[in-house]
N, C-alpha and C. Protein backbone atom coordinates (compact mmCIF):
# COMPACT_ATOMS: atom_id res chain seq x y z
N MET A 1 -34.57 63.81 -6.77
CA MET A 1 -33.39 63.29 -6.10
C MET A 1 -33.12 64.04 -4.80
N ALA A 2 -32.99 63.36 -3.68
CA ALA A 2 -32.83 64.06 -2.35
C ALA A 2 -31.42 64.61 -2.29
N VAL A 3 -31.27 65.85 -1.70
CA VAL A 3 -30.03 66.45 -1.54
C VAL A 3 -29.56 66.21 -0.15
N SER A 4 -28.32 65.81 -0.02
CA SER A 4 -27.76 65.59 1.34
C SER A 4 -27.52 66.91 2.08
N GLN A 5 -27.44 66.76 3.39
CA GLN A 5 -27.23 67.98 4.21
C GLN A 5 -25.94 68.71 3.88
N ASP A 6 -24.90 67.91 3.63
CA ASP A 6 -23.53 68.55 3.29
C ASP A 6 -23.67 69.37 2.02
N ASP A 7 -24.35 68.75 1.03
CA ASP A 7 -24.49 69.46 -0.26
C ASP A 7 -25.28 70.77 -0.08
N GLU A 8 -26.28 70.70 0.77
CA GLU A 8 -27.13 71.93 1.04
C GLU A 8 -26.29 72.96 1.64
N ILE A 9 -25.42 72.58 2.62
CA ILE A 9 -24.61 73.54 3.32
C ILE A 9 -23.56 74.23 2.38
N VAL A 10 -23.01 73.35 1.50
CA VAL A 10 -22.04 73.83 0.51
C VAL A 10 -22.69 74.81 -0.45
N GLY A 11 -23.89 74.49 -0.92
CA GLY A 11 -24.65 75.35 -1.81
C GLY A 11 -24.95 76.75 -1.12
N LYS A 12 -25.36 76.77 0.12
CA LYS A 12 -25.61 78.01 0.80
C LYS A 12 -24.32 78.79 1.04
N THR A 13 -23.28 78.08 1.30
CA THR A 13 -21.93 78.70 1.49
C THR A 13 -21.44 79.44 0.26
N LYS A 14 -21.65 78.75 -0.91
CA LYS A 14 -21.33 79.37 -2.15
C LYS A 14 -22.15 80.64 -2.45
N SER A 15 -23.43 80.56 -2.06
CA SER A 15 -24.26 81.73 -2.24
C SER A 15 -23.83 82.89 -1.27
N VAL A 16 -23.46 82.55 -0.09
CA VAL A 16 -22.91 83.55 0.83
C VAL A 16 -21.64 84.18 0.36
N ILE A 17 -20.87 83.32 -0.28
CA ILE A 17 -19.54 83.81 -0.85
C ILE A 17 -19.78 84.84 -1.95
N LEU A 18 -20.75 84.58 -2.77
CA LEU A 18 -21.07 85.49 -3.84
C LEU A 18 -21.63 86.79 -3.22
N ALA A 19 -22.50 86.71 -2.25
CA ALA A 19 -22.99 87.92 -1.65
C ALA A 19 -21.97 88.74 -0.98
N LEU A 20 -21.06 88.09 -0.19
CA LEU A 20 -19.92 88.75 0.46
C LEU A 20 -19.00 89.39 -0.52
N GLU A 21 -18.70 88.71 -1.60
CA GLU A 21 -17.80 89.33 -2.62
C GLU A 21 -18.41 90.60 -3.20
N SER A 22 -19.74 90.56 -3.44
CA SER A 22 -20.45 91.68 -4.00
C SER A 22 -20.44 92.90 -2.99
N LEU A 23 -20.75 92.53 -1.65
CA LEU A 23 -20.68 93.54 -0.60
C LEU A 23 -19.33 94.07 -0.36
N ASN A 24 -18.31 93.20 -0.47
CA ASN A 24 -16.99 93.64 -0.26
C ASN A 24 -16.53 94.61 -1.29
N ALA A 25 -16.91 94.36 -2.55
CA ALA A 25 -16.60 95.24 -3.63
C ALA A 25 -17.29 96.66 -3.41
N GLU A 26 -18.51 96.68 -2.91
CA GLU A 26 -19.20 97.89 -2.67
C GLU A 26 -18.56 98.75 -1.54
N GLN A 27 -18.20 97.99 -0.50
CA GLN A 27 -17.61 98.66 0.67
C GLN A 27 -16.19 99.16 0.37
N GLU A 28 -15.45 98.36 -0.44
CA GLU A 28 -14.08 98.86 -0.77
C GLU A 28 -14.19 100.14 -1.71
N LYS A 29 -15.29 100.11 -2.52
CA LYS A 29 -15.43 101.34 -3.41
C LYS A 29 -15.77 102.54 -2.53
N SER A 30 -16.62 102.36 -1.53
CA SER A 30 -16.95 103.49 -0.67
C SER A 30 -15.79 103.90 0.11
N LEU A 31 -14.95 102.88 0.62
CA LEU A 31 -13.79 103.16 1.40
C LEU A 31 -12.81 103.97 0.50
N ASP A 32 -12.61 103.57 -0.72
CA ASP A 32 -11.74 104.32 -1.64
C ASP A 32 -12.18 105.74 -1.86
N GLY A 33 -13.58 105.93 -1.96
CA GLY A 33 -14.15 107.32 -2.16
C GLY A 33 -13.89 108.21 -0.92
N PHE A 34 -14.01 107.63 0.28
CA PHE A 34 -13.74 108.40 1.47
C PHE A 34 -12.24 108.76 1.52
N ARG A 35 -11.40 107.90 1.16
CA ARG A 35 -9.95 108.15 1.13
C ARG A 35 -9.66 109.24 0.14
N ASN A 36 -10.29 109.14 -1.08
CA ASN A 36 -10.07 110.22 -2.05
C ASN A 36 -10.52 111.58 -1.50
N SER A 37 -11.67 111.55 -0.78
CA SER A 37 -12.25 112.79 -0.29
C SER A 37 -11.24 113.40 0.82
N LEU A 38 -10.74 112.55 1.58
CA LEU A 38 -9.77 113.02 2.59
C LEU A 38 -8.46 113.62 1.98
N GLY A 39 -8.14 112.97 0.87
CA GLY A 39 -6.96 113.47 0.18
C GLY A 39 -7.13 114.74 -0.60
N GLN A 40 -8.31 114.99 -1.07
CA GLN A 40 -8.51 116.17 -1.86
C GLN A 40 -8.85 117.44 -1.03
N ASN A 41 -9.59 117.21 0.15
CA ASN A 41 -9.91 118.38 0.99
C ASN A 41 -8.82 118.66 2.00
N ILE A 42 -8.21 119.84 1.76
CA ILE A 42 -7.07 120.12 2.67
C ILE A 42 -7.61 120.58 4.04
N SER A 43 -8.69 121.40 3.97
CA SER A 43 -9.22 121.88 5.29
C SER A 43 -10.05 120.83 5.89
N GLY A 44 -9.85 120.65 7.25
CA GLY A 44 -10.53 119.68 7.94
C GLY A 44 -11.83 120.10 8.55
N ASP A 45 -12.26 121.36 8.26
CA ASP A 45 -13.52 121.76 8.96
C ASP A 45 -14.76 121.50 8.12
N GLU A 46 -14.66 121.10 6.86
CA GLU A 46 -15.82 120.90 5.99
C GLU A 46 -16.59 119.64 6.43
N PRO A 47 -17.89 119.66 6.29
CA PRO A 47 -18.65 118.51 6.69
C PRO A 47 -18.34 117.19 5.92
N GLU A 48 -18.09 117.33 4.66
CA GLU A 48 -17.70 116.11 3.93
C GLU A 48 -16.46 115.45 4.46
N HIS A 49 -15.46 116.35 4.79
CA HIS A 49 -14.26 115.83 5.26
C HIS A 49 -14.37 115.23 6.61
N LEU A 50 -15.27 115.84 7.42
CA LEU A 50 -15.48 115.23 8.75
C LEU A 50 -16.18 113.89 8.68
N TYR A 51 -17.18 113.86 7.75
CA TYR A 51 -17.90 112.64 7.56
C TYR A 51 -17.04 111.49 7.04
N ALA A 52 -16.18 111.86 6.12
CA ALA A 52 -15.25 110.82 5.51
C ALA A 52 -14.30 110.39 6.57
N LYS A 53 -13.85 111.30 7.39
CA LYS A 53 -12.90 110.86 8.49
C LYS A 53 -13.61 110.00 9.47
N GLU A 54 -14.89 110.33 9.78
CA GLU A 54 -15.61 109.58 10.78
C GLU A 54 -15.91 108.10 10.33
N MET A 55 -16.19 108.03 8.98
CA MET A 55 -16.60 106.73 8.43
C MET A 55 -15.43 105.80 7.97
N LEU A 56 -14.29 106.42 7.99
CA LEU A 56 -13.13 105.68 7.38
C LEU A 56 -12.73 104.44 8.22
N ASP A 57 -12.66 104.62 9.51
CA ASP A 57 -12.24 103.52 10.39
C ASP A 57 -13.35 102.41 10.49
N PRO A 58 -14.69 102.87 10.74
CA PRO A 58 -15.65 101.73 10.81
C PRO A 58 -15.80 101.03 9.46
N LEU A 59 -15.71 101.74 8.32
CA LEU A 59 -15.84 101.02 7.08
C LEU A 59 -14.67 100.18 6.85
N GLY A 60 -13.47 100.52 7.21
CA GLY A 60 -12.29 99.62 7.14
C GLY A 60 -12.48 98.37 7.99
N ILE A 61 -13.06 98.50 9.15
CA ILE A 61 -13.36 97.32 9.97
C ILE A 61 -14.32 96.39 9.29
N ILE A 62 -15.42 96.99 8.68
CA ILE A 62 -16.44 96.19 8.02
C ILE A 62 -15.78 95.44 6.80
N VAL A 63 -14.98 96.11 6.05
CA VAL A 63 -14.28 95.45 4.92
C VAL A 63 -13.34 94.25 5.37
N GLN A 64 -12.77 94.47 6.44
CA GLN A 64 -11.90 93.49 7.01
C GLN A 64 -12.70 92.25 7.50
N ARG A 65 -13.84 92.54 8.13
CA ARG A 65 -14.61 91.42 8.53
C ARG A 65 -15.27 90.64 7.32
N ILE A 66 -15.55 91.37 6.28
CA ILE A 66 -16.13 90.72 5.07
C ILE A 66 -14.97 89.85 4.45
N LYS A 67 -13.75 90.23 4.46
CA LYS A 67 -12.72 89.43 3.92
C LYS A 67 -12.47 88.20 4.80
N ASN A 68 -12.53 88.43 6.12
CA ASN A 68 -12.48 87.22 6.99
C ASN A 68 -13.57 86.16 6.78
N GLY A 69 -14.78 86.77 6.55
CA GLY A 69 -15.90 85.84 6.20
C GLY A 69 -15.63 85.08 4.88
N LEU A 70 -15.04 85.73 3.91
CA LEU A 70 -14.75 85.11 2.67
C LEU A 70 -13.61 84.03 2.84
N ASP A 71 -12.63 84.39 3.70
CA ASP A 71 -11.62 83.33 3.92
C ASP A 71 -12.19 82.11 4.64
N ASP A 72 -13.08 82.37 5.62
CA ASP A 72 -13.68 81.24 6.33
C ASP A 72 -14.54 80.38 5.41
N ALA A 73 -15.28 81.03 4.52
CA ALA A 73 -16.16 80.28 3.56
C ALA A 73 -15.27 79.51 2.57
N GLY A 74 -14.11 80.11 2.13
CA GLY A 74 -13.23 79.36 1.26
C GLY A 74 -12.66 78.15 1.94
N LEU A 75 -12.31 78.34 3.21
CA LEU A 75 -11.72 77.24 3.98
C LEU A 75 -12.77 76.11 4.21
N LEU A 76 -14.01 76.53 4.31
CA LEU A 76 -15.13 75.52 4.48
C LEU A 76 -15.30 74.70 3.15
N LEU A 77 -15.17 75.37 2.07
CA LEU A 77 -15.28 74.64 0.80
C LEU A 77 -14.11 73.71 0.59
N VAL A 78 -12.85 74.15 0.97
CA VAL A 78 -11.69 73.33 0.82
C VAL A 78 -11.86 72.08 1.65
N MET A 79 -12.33 72.28 2.95
CA MET A 79 -12.51 71.11 3.87
C MET A 79 -13.51 70.19 3.33
N HIS A 80 -14.59 70.79 2.75
CA HIS A 80 -15.67 69.86 2.15
C HIS A 80 -15.11 69.05 1.04
N GLU A 81 -14.31 69.62 0.13
CA GLU A 81 -13.70 68.87 -0.98
C GLU A 81 -12.70 67.86 -0.46
N TYR A 82 -11.96 68.17 0.59
CA TYR A 82 -11.09 67.17 1.20
C TYR A 82 -11.84 65.99 1.78
N LEU A 83 -12.91 66.29 2.46
CA LEU A 83 -13.70 65.22 3.05
C LEU A 83 -14.36 64.34 1.97
N GLN A 84 -14.74 64.97 0.88
CA GLN A 84 -15.32 64.18 -0.20
C GLN A 84 -14.27 63.22 -0.82
N ARG A 85 -13.02 63.75 -1.02
CA ARG A 85 -11.98 62.89 -1.51
C ARG A 85 -11.67 61.73 -0.52
N SER A 86 -11.65 62.11 0.79
CA SER A 86 -11.38 61.12 1.80
C SER A 86 -12.49 60.02 1.80
N GLU A 87 -13.72 60.36 1.65
CA GLU A 87 -14.81 59.43 1.65
C GLU A 87 -14.72 58.56 0.46
N ALA A 88 -14.37 59.14 -0.66
CA ALA A 88 -14.24 58.31 -1.92
C ALA A 88 -13.07 57.28 -1.68
N GLU A 89 -12.02 57.78 -1.10
CA GLU A 89 -10.88 56.84 -0.90
C GLU A 89 -11.29 55.73 0.11
N ARG A 90 -12.04 56.13 1.13
CA ARG A 90 -12.50 55.16 2.12
C ARG A 90 -13.38 54.11 1.48
N GLN A 91 -14.36 54.54 0.68
CA GLN A 91 -15.18 53.56 -0.07
C GLN A 91 -14.35 52.74 -0.93
N LYS A 92 -13.34 53.23 -1.67
CA LYS A 92 -12.49 52.48 -2.51
C LYS A 92 -11.75 51.33 -1.70
N LEU A 93 -11.19 51.79 -0.55
CA LEU A 93 -10.51 50.86 0.31
C LEU A 93 -11.41 49.79 0.90
N LYS A 94 -12.65 50.15 1.21
CA LYS A 94 -13.60 49.27 1.71
C LYS A 94 -13.92 48.15 0.71
N TYR A 95 -14.12 48.61 -0.56
CA TYR A 95 -14.38 47.66 -1.65
C TYR A 95 -13.22 46.73 -1.87
N GLN A 96 -11.98 47.27 -1.78
CA GLN A 96 -10.80 46.43 -1.93
C GLN A 96 -10.66 45.42 -0.83
N ALA A 97 -10.98 45.86 0.42
CA ALA A 97 -10.94 44.96 1.58
C ALA A 97 -12.01 43.86 1.45
N ARG A 98 -13.19 44.18 0.97
CA ARG A 98 -14.19 43.20 0.81
C ARG A 98 -13.74 42.15 -0.34
N ARG A 99 -13.19 42.66 -1.33
CA ARG A 99 -12.69 41.76 -2.43
C ARG A 99 -11.57 40.93 -1.99
N LEU A 100 -10.64 41.52 -1.11
CA LEU A 100 -9.54 40.70 -0.61
C LEU A 100 -10.10 39.58 0.30
N TYR A 101 -11.08 39.90 1.07
CA TYR A 101 -11.73 38.95 2.04
C TYR A 101 -12.30 37.77 1.23
N GLN A 102 -13.00 38.11 0.06
CA GLN A 102 -13.56 37.03 -0.75
C GLN A 102 -12.46 36.23 -1.39
N GLU A 103 -11.43 36.85 -1.80
CA GLU A 103 -10.31 36.10 -2.42
C GLU A 103 -9.63 35.20 -1.38
N ASN A 104 -9.46 35.74 -0.11
CA ASN A 104 -8.84 34.96 0.92
C ASN A 104 -9.65 33.72 1.19
N GLY A 105 -10.99 33.88 1.26
CA GLY A 105 -11.87 32.69 1.47
C GLY A 105 -11.76 31.69 0.40
N TRP A 106 -11.67 32.15 -0.82
CA TRP A 106 -11.48 31.29 -2.03
C TRP A 106 -10.18 30.57 -1.91
N LEU A 107 -9.12 31.27 -1.54
CA LEU A 107 -7.82 30.68 -1.45
C LEU A 107 -7.71 29.64 -0.30
N ARG A 108 -8.46 29.91 0.82
CA ARG A 108 -8.54 28.93 1.91
C ARG A 108 -9.21 27.68 1.46
N GLU A 109 -10.30 27.87 0.71
CA GLU A 109 -11.04 26.71 0.24
C GLU A 109 -10.15 25.87 -0.71
N GLU A 110 -9.45 26.53 -1.59
CA GLU A 110 -8.57 25.83 -2.49
C GLU A 110 -7.45 25.08 -1.80
N LEU A 111 -6.94 25.84 -0.72
CA LEU A 111 -5.80 25.17 0.03
C LEU A 111 -6.34 23.98 0.77
N GLY A 112 -7.59 24.03 1.30
CA GLY A 112 -8.15 22.76 1.97
C GLY A 112 -8.29 21.67 0.93
N ASN A 113 -8.81 22.00 -0.26
CA ASN A 113 -8.88 20.90 -1.25
C ASN A 113 -7.55 20.28 -1.65
N LEU A 114 -6.54 21.19 -1.78
CA LEU A 114 -5.20 20.65 -2.12
C LEU A 114 -4.63 19.83 -0.93
N GLN A 115 -4.91 20.19 0.22
CA GLN A 115 -4.33 19.47 1.35
C GLN A 115 -4.99 18.04 1.39
N GLY A 116 -6.36 18.02 1.09
CA GLY A 116 -7.04 16.75 1.06
C GLY A 116 -6.43 15.85 -0.08
N LEU A 117 -6.20 16.49 -1.26
CA LEU A 117 -5.59 15.67 -2.32
C LEU A 117 -4.22 15.22 -1.96
N TYR A 118 -3.50 16.01 -1.26
CA TYR A 118 -2.10 15.65 -0.82
C TYR A 118 -2.19 14.47 0.13
N ARG A 119 -3.07 14.55 1.08
CA ARG A 119 -3.24 13.39 2.06
C ARG A 119 -3.63 12.10 1.37
N ASP A 120 -4.58 12.23 0.35
CA ASP A 120 -4.91 11.04 -0.41
C ASP A 120 -3.70 10.48 -1.11
N SER A 121 -2.93 11.39 -1.69
CA SER A 121 -1.75 10.97 -2.48
C SER A 121 -0.77 10.26 -1.56
N GLU A 122 -0.55 10.78 -0.33
CA GLU A 122 0.29 10.12 0.64
C GLU A 122 -0.14 8.72 0.98
N LEU A 123 -1.47 8.66 1.18
CA LEU A 123 -2.02 7.28 1.50
C LEU A 123 -1.81 6.37 0.32
N ARG A 124 -2.03 6.83 -0.89
CA ARG A 124 -1.82 5.93 -2.06
C ARG A 124 -0.36 5.55 -2.16
N VAL A 125 0.58 6.49 -1.89
CA VAL A 125 2.00 6.20 -1.93
C VAL A 125 2.36 5.08 -0.91
N VAL A 126 1.83 5.20 0.31
CA VAL A 126 2.06 4.27 1.32
C VAL A 126 1.58 2.92 0.90
N ALA A 127 0.34 2.87 0.39
CA ALA A 127 -0.23 1.59 -0.03
C ALA A 127 0.60 1.02 -1.19
N LEU A 128 1.09 1.79 -2.14
CA LEU A 128 1.83 1.23 -3.23
C LEU A 128 3.24 0.79 -2.64
N GLN A 129 3.80 1.44 -1.76
CA GLN A 129 5.03 0.98 -1.11
C GLN A 129 4.83 -0.35 -0.39
N GLU A 130 3.73 -0.47 0.23
CA GLU A 130 3.47 -1.79 0.94
C GLU A 130 3.34 -2.90 -0.09
N LYS A 131 2.58 -2.61 -1.23
CA LYS A 131 2.46 -3.65 -2.26
C LYS A 131 3.82 -4.03 -2.83
N VAL A 132 4.64 -2.95 -3.12
CA VAL A 132 5.96 -3.24 -3.72
C VAL A 132 6.77 -4.02 -2.79
N LYS A 133 6.78 -3.76 -1.48
CA LYS A 133 7.50 -4.50 -0.51
C LYS A 133 7.02 -6.02 -0.49
N GLU A 134 5.68 -6.12 -0.51
CA GLU A 134 5.06 -7.42 -0.54
C GLU A 134 5.48 -8.25 -1.79
N TYR A 135 5.44 -7.57 -2.91
CA TYR A 135 5.85 -8.24 -4.18
C TYR A 135 7.34 -8.67 -4.11
N GLU A 136 8.18 -7.75 -3.62
CA GLU A 136 9.61 -8.08 -3.43
C GLU A 136 9.82 -9.24 -2.50
N PHE A 137 9.07 -9.26 -1.41
CA PHE A 137 9.16 -10.33 -0.47
C PHE A 137 8.78 -11.67 -1.09
N ASN A 138 7.64 -11.62 -1.87
CA ASN A 138 7.22 -12.89 -2.50
C ASN A 138 8.21 -13.34 -3.56
N ALA A 139 8.74 -12.31 -4.29
CA ALA A 139 9.85 -12.73 -5.27
C ALA A 139 11.11 -13.35 -4.54
N GLU A 140 11.44 -12.76 -3.46
CA GLU A 140 12.61 -13.37 -2.75
C GLU A 140 12.24 -14.80 -2.27
N LEU A 141 11.03 -14.99 -1.81
CA LEU A 141 10.64 -16.34 -1.46
C LEU A 141 10.67 -17.37 -2.57
N ARG A 142 10.08 -16.91 -3.77
CA ARG A 142 10.13 -17.76 -4.97
C ARG A 142 11.56 -18.04 -5.41
N LYS A 143 12.43 -17.02 -5.34
CA LYS A 143 13.81 -17.17 -5.70
C LYS A 143 14.51 -18.19 -4.70
N PHE A 144 14.19 -18.04 -3.46
CA PHE A 144 14.80 -18.93 -2.49
C PHE A 144 14.33 -20.35 -2.67
N ASP A 145 13.01 -20.49 -2.92
CA ASP A 145 12.47 -21.85 -3.17
C ASP A 145 13.07 -22.50 -4.37
N SER A 146 13.26 -21.67 -5.48
CA SER A 146 13.76 -22.22 -6.72
C SER A 146 15.22 -22.66 -6.58
N ASN A 147 15.96 -21.98 -5.64
CA ASN A 147 17.33 -22.26 -5.47
C ASN A 147 17.65 -23.41 -4.50
N GLU A 148 16.59 -23.99 -3.86
CA GLU A 148 16.76 -25.12 -2.92
C GLU A 148 17.37 -26.36 -3.67
N PRO A 149 18.28 -27.09 -3.03
CA PRO A 149 18.83 -28.33 -3.67
C PRO A 149 17.71 -29.44 -3.57
N PRO A 150 17.62 -30.23 -4.59
CA PRO A 150 16.62 -31.36 -4.60
C PRO A 150 16.98 -32.44 -3.50
N GLU A 151 16.40 -32.16 -2.27
CA GLU A 151 16.77 -33.14 -1.16
C GLU A 151 16.19 -34.49 -1.42
N GLN A 152 15.03 -34.54 -1.99
CA GLN A 152 14.43 -35.88 -2.34
C GLN A 152 15.28 -36.71 -3.21
N GLY A 153 15.80 -36.07 -4.22
CA GLY A 153 16.64 -36.76 -5.16
C GLY A 153 17.91 -37.31 -4.51
N GLY A 154 18.45 -36.49 -3.57
CA GLY A 154 19.66 -36.95 -2.87
C GLY A 154 19.34 -38.18 -2.01
N VAL A 155 18.21 -38.07 -1.41
CA VAL A 155 17.78 -39.28 -0.52
C VAL A 155 17.58 -40.50 -1.34
N GLY A 156 16.94 -40.40 -2.51
CA GLY A 156 16.73 -41.58 -3.46
C GLY A 156 18.06 -42.19 -3.89
N ASN A 157 19.01 -41.25 -4.31
CA ASN A 157 20.28 -41.82 -4.72
C ASN A 157 20.96 -42.61 -3.59
N GLY A 158 20.87 -42.04 -2.32
CA GLY A 158 21.53 -42.72 -1.24
C GLY A 158 20.75 -44.07 -1.02
N ASP A 159 19.44 -44.14 -1.18
CA ASP A 159 18.78 -45.42 -1.02
C ASP A 159 19.23 -46.43 -2.09
N ALA A 160 19.46 -45.93 -3.33
CA ALA A 160 19.84 -46.87 -4.39
C ALA A 160 21.23 -47.39 -4.09
N ALA A 161 22.19 -46.38 -3.64
CA ALA A 161 23.49 -46.90 -3.30
C ALA A 161 23.58 -47.85 -2.17
N THR A 162 22.72 -47.56 -1.16
CA THR A 162 22.68 -48.55 -0.02
C THR A 162 22.12 -49.92 -0.41
N ALA A 163 21.11 -49.89 -1.27
CA ALA A 163 20.58 -51.16 -1.77
C ALA A 163 21.58 -51.97 -2.57
N LYS A 164 22.33 -51.17 -3.39
CA LYS A 164 23.34 -51.92 -4.25
C LYS A 164 24.42 -52.52 -3.36
N THR A 165 24.82 -51.71 -2.41
CA THR A 165 25.82 -52.24 -1.48
C THR A 165 25.33 -53.50 -0.71
N ALA A 166 24.11 -53.41 -0.25
CA ALA A 166 23.53 -54.62 0.43
C ALA A 166 23.52 -55.79 -0.43
N LEU A 167 23.16 -55.66 -1.74
CA LEU A 167 23.13 -56.76 -2.57
C LEU A 167 24.53 -57.35 -2.87
N ASP A 168 25.54 -56.45 -2.97
CA ASP A 168 26.90 -56.87 -3.14
C ASP A 168 27.37 -57.71 -1.98
N LEU A 169 26.94 -57.37 -0.83
CA LEU A 169 27.35 -58.12 0.42
C LEU A 169 26.57 -59.34 0.60
N GLY A 170 25.47 -59.65 -0.19
CA GLY A 170 24.82 -60.83 -0.08
C GLY A 170 23.53 -60.77 0.80
N PHE A 171 23.17 -59.49 1.16
CA PHE A 171 21.94 -59.30 1.99
C PHE A 171 20.82 -59.14 0.99
N PRO A 172 19.65 -59.60 1.38
CA PRO A 172 18.50 -59.45 0.53
C PRO A 172 18.06 -57.97 0.54
N PRO A 173 17.47 -57.58 -0.61
CA PRO A 173 16.96 -56.16 -0.69
C PRO A 173 15.81 -55.85 0.26
N ASP A 174 15.81 -54.56 0.77
CA ASP A 174 14.73 -54.13 1.68
C ASP A 174 13.40 -54.12 1.00
N ASP A 175 12.43 -54.12 1.76
CA ASP A 175 11.03 -54.11 1.34
C ASP A 175 10.85 -52.76 0.60
N LYS A 176 10.06 -52.76 -0.46
CA LYS A 176 9.80 -51.49 -1.22
C LYS A 176 8.97 -50.48 -0.44
N GLU A 177 8.15 -51.01 0.41
CA GLU A 177 7.30 -50.21 1.22
C GLU A 177 8.16 -49.37 2.22
N ASP A 178 9.18 -50.03 2.78
CA ASP A 178 10.11 -49.29 3.62
C ASP A 178 10.76 -48.10 2.94
N GLY A 179 11.14 -48.36 1.66
CA GLY A 179 11.79 -47.20 0.90
C GLY A 179 10.79 -46.06 0.61
N ASP A 180 9.54 -46.48 0.39
CA ASP A 180 8.58 -45.41 0.11
C ASP A 180 8.35 -44.66 1.46
N GLN A 181 8.35 -45.31 2.58
CA GLN A 181 8.11 -44.56 3.81
C GLN A 181 9.29 -43.62 4.12
N ASP A 182 10.50 -44.14 3.86
CA ASP A 182 11.70 -43.22 4.01
C ASP A 182 11.61 -42.03 3.17
N SER A 183 11.17 -42.22 1.87
CA SER A 183 10.98 -41.06 0.91
C SER A 183 9.97 -40.12 1.40
N LYS A 184 8.85 -40.63 1.93
CA LYS A 184 7.76 -39.68 2.40
C LYS A 184 8.29 -38.97 3.64
N PHE A 185 9.14 -39.70 4.45
CA PHE A 185 9.58 -39.02 5.69
C PHE A 185 10.53 -37.82 5.34
N TYR A 186 11.44 -38.07 4.43
CA TYR A 186 12.37 -37.00 4.09
C TYR A 186 11.58 -35.87 3.31
N SER A 187 10.55 -36.17 2.56
CA SER A 187 9.75 -35.13 1.89
C SER A 187 9.01 -34.30 2.97
N LEU A 188 8.45 -35.00 3.99
CA LEU A 188 7.81 -34.27 5.01
C LEU A 188 8.75 -33.32 5.72
N ILE A 189 9.95 -33.75 6.03
CA ILE A 189 10.99 -32.92 6.72
C ILE A 189 11.25 -31.70 5.86
N SER A 190 11.50 -31.94 4.50
CA SER A 190 11.77 -30.79 3.62
C SER A 190 10.66 -29.78 3.57
N CYS A 191 9.38 -30.26 3.51
CA CYS A 191 8.25 -29.36 3.47
C CYS A 191 8.19 -28.53 4.79
N GLU A 192 8.36 -29.20 5.93
CA GLU A 192 8.34 -28.44 7.17
C GLU A 192 9.48 -27.46 7.27
N ALA A 193 10.58 -27.75 6.76
CA ALA A 193 11.71 -26.80 6.75
C ALA A 193 11.35 -25.54 5.92
N ALA A 194 10.78 -25.85 4.69
CA ALA A 194 10.37 -24.72 3.84
C ALA A 194 9.32 -23.91 4.53
N LYS A 195 8.31 -24.50 5.21
CA LYS A 195 7.27 -23.75 5.89
C LYS A 195 7.88 -22.92 6.99
N GLN A 196 8.87 -23.49 7.76
CA GLN A 196 9.47 -22.79 8.84
C GLN A 196 10.25 -21.52 8.29
N ARG A 197 10.94 -21.72 7.15
CA ARG A 197 11.70 -20.52 6.50
C ARG A 197 10.65 -19.51 6.08
N ARG A 198 9.54 -19.94 5.49
CA ARG A 198 8.53 -18.94 5.06
C ARG A 198 7.91 -18.24 6.22
N PHE A 199 7.70 -18.90 7.36
CA PHE A 199 7.14 -18.29 8.53
C PHE A 199 8.09 -17.25 9.07
N GLU A 200 9.47 -17.57 9.10
CA GLU A 200 10.41 -16.68 9.63
C GLU A 200 10.50 -15.42 8.69
N TYR A 201 10.45 -15.60 7.36
CA TYR A 201 10.48 -14.42 6.48
C TYR A 201 9.20 -13.59 6.69
N THR A 202 8.13 -14.18 6.91
CA THR A 202 6.93 -13.47 7.10
C THR A 202 6.94 -12.61 8.34
N GLU A 203 7.38 -13.24 9.41
CA GLU A 203 7.51 -12.45 10.69
C GLU A 203 8.59 -11.37 10.59
N LEU A 204 9.62 -11.62 9.78
CA LEU A 204 10.60 -10.57 9.66
C LEU A 204 10.05 -9.31 8.88
N PHE A 205 9.22 -9.72 7.82
CA PHE A 205 8.53 -8.64 6.98
C PHE A 205 7.60 -7.90 7.81
N ARG A 206 6.81 -8.54 8.66
CA ARG A 206 5.80 -7.77 9.54
C ARG A 206 6.49 -6.89 10.55
N LEU A 207 7.61 -7.39 11.10
CA LEU A 207 8.34 -6.49 12.02
C LEU A 207 8.94 -5.31 11.44
N THR A 208 9.52 -5.55 10.23
CA THR A 208 10.09 -4.36 9.50
C THR A 208 9.00 -3.40 9.02
N HIS A 209 7.89 -3.97 8.60
CA HIS A 209 6.71 -3.09 8.23
C HIS A 209 6.19 -2.26 9.32
N SER A 210 6.16 -2.89 10.55
CA SER A 210 5.69 -2.06 11.72
C SER A 210 6.66 -0.98 12.12
N PHE A 211 7.88 -1.26 11.90
CA PHE A 211 8.90 -0.14 12.21
C PHE A 211 8.82 0.93 11.20
N VAL A 212 8.53 0.63 9.95
CA VAL A 212 8.40 1.64 8.92
C VAL A 212 7.21 2.49 9.09
N LEU A 213 6.04 1.85 9.40
CA LEU A 213 4.78 2.62 9.57
C LEU A 213 4.65 3.33 10.92
N CYS A 214 5.27 2.79 11.94
CA CYS A 214 5.26 3.34 13.28
C CYS A 214 6.64 3.67 13.89
N PRO A 215 7.32 4.63 13.28
CA PRO A 215 8.69 4.93 13.77
C PRO A 215 8.61 5.56 15.13
N ARG A 216 9.66 5.31 15.87
CA ARG A 216 9.65 5.87 17.26
C ARG A 216 10.57 7.07 17.33
């Protein structure tokens, strides 16, 4: 398994930390020994005293530098751990964003399907409304035709009364063919009137229908 560059740096940093901690312990031990030597020897002319006094300051500087190196190495490990957590969070957010993108696409597709179904439903509703209006219009026409007075019957009764009156006055009866022609004439007038009313209702229905479908 290949080791990444960051992991390699972290591994070397941990090794350096261990070495610095060991070196720091040795230098602090030597520093404590020199301090004890300076504290025990009252006379300052002895070689050991002079050597301890000479080495005290440089050794203290070395110990301080070792501690600074340990602090920097610890900070490097903390930064590496923080970057690892940030990278893991970034990958998590990236996965969630990709999942949300897929769900958004699915929702858009479902919305398009529902909009298509809604448009089809609206068209069916409009078609059904047109059929209902057509049925209502035809029902009104049939109702109107059924309520018409029997004009032909009225004309026949009038012909009978006229013929009876003519006989009473001594006039001969009219020819039967003339009566049939009069009856056909009145029937033709009645049919034409009914056709005219039907045409007017049809035109009124078409005009109303155009206003409903094409409102201004």
